[in-house]
Protein backbone atom coordinates (compact mmCIF):
# COMPACT_ATOMS: atom_id res chain seq x y z
CA MET A 1 3.97 42.12 94.10
CA LEU A 2 2.29 45.14 96.04
CA ASN A 3 1.18 47.16 92.87
CA GLU A 4 -0.32 44.21 91.38
CA ARG A 5 -2.05 43.31 94.51
CA GLY A 6 -3.10 47.30 94.45
CA ILE A 7 -1.59 47.69 97.59
CA PRO A 8 -0.07 51.29 97.61
CA LEU A 9 3.63 51.56 99.04
CA ASN A 10 2.67 53.81 102.12
CA ASP A 11 -0.24 50.93 103.09
CA MET A 12 2.48 48.81 104.02
CA SER A 13 5.80 48.13 106.24
CA PHE A 14 8.35 45.12 107.07
CA ALA A 15 7.78 43.35 110.65
CA THR A 16 8.71 40.14 112.00
CA THR A 17 8.15 37.51 113.89
CA ASP A 18 9.27 36.97 117.61
CA THR A 19 11.98 34.93 115.79
CA GLY A 20 12.93 37.15 113.24
CA LYS A 21 10.99 36.12 110.12
CA PRO A 22 10.09 38.74 108.18
CA TYR A 23 6.32 39.74 106.27
CA VAL A 24 4.64 42.47 104.96
CA SER A 25 2.52 44.31 107.58
CA CYS A 26 -0.25 46.23 105.30
CA VAL A 27 -2.71 48.89 106.78
CA THR A 28 -6.08 47.50 105.03
CA ASP A 29 -5.18 43.97 104.12
CA PRO A 30 -4.25 40.77 105.87
CA PRO A 31 -0.17 40.48 106.44
CA ILE A 32 1.82 38.97 103.15
CA ALA A 33 4.32 36.14 103.82
CA TYR A 34 7.21 36.07 101.89
CA ASN A 35 10.99 34.78 101.79
CA VAL A 36 13.80 35.00 98.93
CA THR A 37 16.61 33.14 98.32
CA HIS A 38 18.96 33.39 95.56
CA ASP A 39 21.70 31.30 93.80
CA ASN A 40 24.31 32.29 90.91
CA ALA A 41 22.57 34.24 88.66
CA LEU A 42 19.10 33.28 90.10
CA ILE A 43 17.31 35.53 92.53
CA ALA A 44 13.96 33.82 93.54
CA LEU A 45 11.24 34.68 95.91
CA ALA A 46 7.71 33.07 97.09
CA PHE A 47 4.79 34.75 98.51
CA ALA A 48 1.51 34.10 99.89
CA PRO A 49 -1.22 36.21 101.36
CA GLY A 50 -1.77 33.60 104.32
CA ARG A 51 -4.02 31.28 105.44
CA VAL A 52 -2.98 29.65 108.55
CA ASN A 53 -0.53 30.89 111.54
CA GLY A 54 -0.12 34.54 110.68
CA PRO A 55 1.09 36.57 110.41
CA ALA A 56 3.97 35.32 108.39
CA PHE A 57 2.41 32.30 107.24
CA ASN A 58 5.02 29.83 107.12
CA VAL A 59 6.48 30.03 103.58
CA GLY A 60 9.92 29.37 102.56
CA ILE A 61 11.87 28.77 98.90
CA ASP A 62 15.11 27.48 98.31
CA VAL A 63 16.69 27.16 95.08
CA MET A 64 20.38 26.22 93.85
CA LYS A 65 22.48 25.89 91.13
CA VAL A 66 23.09 21.79 90.13
CA ARG A 67 27.03 21.44 90.17
CA VAL A 68 30.08 20.78 92.40
CA PRO A 69 30.84 24.09 93.37
CA GLY A 70 34.77 24.84 93.49
CA ARG A 71 37.11 22.32 92.46
CA GLN A 72 35.52 19.45 94.67
CA ASP A 73 34.95 15.91 93.73
CA PHE A 74 31.10 14.75 94.37
CA PRO A 75 32.21 12.45 97.25
CA ALA A 76 34.40 15.68 99.03
CA PHE A 77 31.24 17.43 98.91
CA VAL A 78 28.76 15.08 100.24
CA GLU A 79 30.63 14.17 103.01
CA THR A 80 30.87 17.76 103.89
CA PHE A 81 27.11 17.68 104.58
CA SER A 82 26.62 13.82 105.40
CA ASP A 83 26.10 14.99 109.46
CA GLN A 84 22.89 16.78 107.91
CA LEU A 85 21.72 13.95 105.97
CA THR A 86 19.44 11.02 106.74
CA ALA A 87 20.81 6.83 106.95
CA LEU A 88 18.14 6.68 104.55
CA GLU A 89 19.20 10.02 102.34
CA ARG A 90 23.07 9.02 101.97
CA GLY A 91 22.04 5.42 101.17
CA LEU A 92 19.72 7.03 97.82
CA LEU A 93 22.70 8.87 97.01
CA ARG A 94 25.00 5.64 96.57
CA GLY A 95 24.91 3.17 93.65
CA VAL A 96 23.76 5.61 91.22
CA PRO A 97 25.58 7.61 88.31
CA GLN A 98 26.91 10.70 89.33
CA GLU A 99 24.92 12.97 87.14
CA GLU A 100 21.83 11.44 89.03
CA ALA A 101 23.16 11.60 92.88
CA LEU A 102 23.59 15.03 92.21
CA ARG A 103 20.08 15.88 91.18
CA ARG A 104 18.97 14.00 94.10
CA PHE A 105 21.30 15.54 96.84
CA PHE A 106 19.86 18.94 95.33
CA TRP A 107 16.33 17.96 95.84
CA MET A 108 17.18 17.12 99.35
CA TRP A 109 18.84 20.02 100.48
CA THR A 110 16.31 22.49 98.54
CA MET A 111 13.65 20.33 100.48
CA LYS A 112 15.08 20.85 103.80
CA GLU A 113 15.95 24.78 103.03
CA ALA A 114 12.63 25.31 102.12
CA TYR A 115 10.56 23.69 104.74
CA THR A 116 13.26 25.38 107.48
CA LYS A 117 13.06 28.90 106.05
CA ALA A 118 9.18 28.35 106.27
CA LEU A 119 9.46 27.77 110.17
CA GLY A 120 11.24 31.18 110.80
CA LEU A 121 13.43 29.22 112.96
CA GLY A 122 16.59 30.60 111.81
CA LEU A 123 19.52 28.72 111.04
CA GLY A 124 19.48 26.06 114.80
CA PHE A 125 17.27 24.03 112.93
CA ASP A 126 19.15 20.42 112.49
CA PHE A 127 19.00 19.79 108.82
CA SER A 128 18.96 15.58 109.81
CA ARG A 129 15.09 16.07 111.19
CA VAL A 130 14.05 16.77 107.49
CA GLU A 131 14.33 13.45 105.60
CA PHE A 132 13.75 13.77 101.69
CA ASP A 133 13.04 10.37 100.30
CA VAL A 134 13.43 11.63 96.38
CA VAL A 135 12.55 7.79 95.25
CA GLY A 136 10.02 7.52 97.35
CA ASN A 137 8.54 11.13 96.81
CA THR A 138 8.35 11.71 100.94
CA VAL A 139 8.76 14.60 103.38
CA ARG A 140 9.23 13.19 107.17
CA VAL A 141 10.26 15.38 110.01
CA ASP A 142 11.36 13.59 112.97
CA GLY A 143 10.74 10.53 111.30
CA GLN A 144 6.60 11.78 111.09
CA ILE A 145 5.16 12.60 107.75
CA PRO A 146 4.24 16.23 108.68
CA GLN A 147 0.37 17.80 108.36
CA GLY A 148 -0.77 20.29 106.50
CA TRP A 149 2.03 21.27 104.04
CA TRP A 150 2.62 21.96 100.48
CA PHE A 151 5.56 21.72 99.16
CA GLY A 152 6.41 22.63 95.06
CA ARG A 153 9.34 21.42 93.23
CA PHE A 154 10.45 23.25 90.39
CA VAL A 155 13.04 23.01 87.53
CA ILE A 156 14.81 26.47 85.50
CA GLN A 157 16.58 26.12 82.97
CA ASP A 158 18.91 29.22 82.26
CA GLY A 159 21.28 27.84 79.59
CA GLN A 160 23.55 25.20 80.35
CA ASP A 161 22.74 25.48 84.02
CA THR A 162 19.86 24.19 85.87
CA TYR A 163 18.58 24.75 88.68
CA GLU A 164 16.61 23.32 91.99
CA GLY A 165 14.05 24.68 93.75
CA VAL A 166 11.10 23.86 96.21
CA VAL A 167 8.95 26.22 97.90
CA ALA A 168 7.26 25.32 101.42
CA GLU A 169 3.72 26.50 102.26
CA LEU A 170 1.94 25.22 105.63
CA VAL A 171 -1.75 25.42 104.03
CA GLY A 172 -3.91 23.34 106.80
CA GLY A 173 -5.71 20.53 106.72
CA ASP A 174 -4.59 17.00 106.70
CA GLY A 175 -1.65 15.37 104.27
CA THR A 176 0.87 16.68 103.05
CA VAL A 177 0.91 17.71 98.91
CA LEU A 178 4.36 17.28 97.03
CA THR A 179 3.93 18.47 93.48
CA PRO A 180 6.91 16.44 90.78
CA GLU A 181 9.66 18.14 90.30
CA THR A 182 8.29 20.30 87.04
CA GLU A 183 10.06 22.91 84.53
CA SER A 184 8.12 26.28 84.80
CA PRO A 185 4.92 25.63 86.74
CA ASP A 186 1.81 27.42 86.40
CA TRP A 187 2.54 28.99 89.43
CA LEU A 188 5.74 29.97 88.58
CA HIS A 189 6.96 33.17 87.40
CA ILE A 190 10.42 33.57 85.33
CA PHE A 191 11.57 37.08 84.32
CA ASP A 192 15.47 37.87 83.06
CA ALA A 193 16.85 40.73 84.92
CA ALA A 194 16.30 43.60 82.06
CA THR A 195 12.71 42.45 81.18
CA PHE A 196 12.06 42.59 85.11
CA THR A 197 13.49 46.01 85.72
CA GLU A 198 12.04 47.66 82.50
CA LYS A 199 8.17 46.20 83.64
CA THR A 200 8.98 47.17 87.13
CA ILE A 201 9.98 50.87 86.08
CA GLN A 202 6.93 51.06 83.50
CA GLU A 203 4.39 49.53 85.93
CA LEU A 204 5.71 51.81 89.07
CA GLN A 205 5.93 55.38 87.20
CA PRO A 206 4.04 57.95 88.08
CA HIS A 207 1.28 58.18 85.77
CA ASP A 208 0.76 61.53 83.46
CA SER A 209 -2.50 63.03 85.37
CA THR A 210 -2.71 65.15 81.88
């Protein structure tokens, strides 16, 4: 990321906000917000040069594999998280096929995770304060639509495995933008581990001055 932005490694350092959210501090450039998430075979990074509310600029990302972990059945799995869901969210998980309910649940959960990670407040934020109406495609926090936020939803298919993810970024202005769920949107760049490693080595190795 730094190499593509033309920022030498010795011009950057890691810094944190008062609440402990890390960001990249650059000598000659504005700070860069970033957030990292992983689940199973997937690692994802979201970053932004910042628009409002520096220096960490409120960006968060979360991604999860769509499946019931372990040997739990779906009702028991959802019950584990029921106190972190709103009444509307719990209602949206009932009366639909399990596959659809599972898909809805992970959209709700990754939305909550991405938003709270963007806030940089740590684990103390009550997830039930964040409500994602998957059917109505509306996010509410404490019953109100948060102003100035952009939420990007994406789907990644890795063989037989499906991952759902959300990026949350505070961009300022009025209103809130939620993109529809999209497989590989144009702002998302995907690399397999081997290709990414080879690309990194090629781009970062010292060039022969002769």
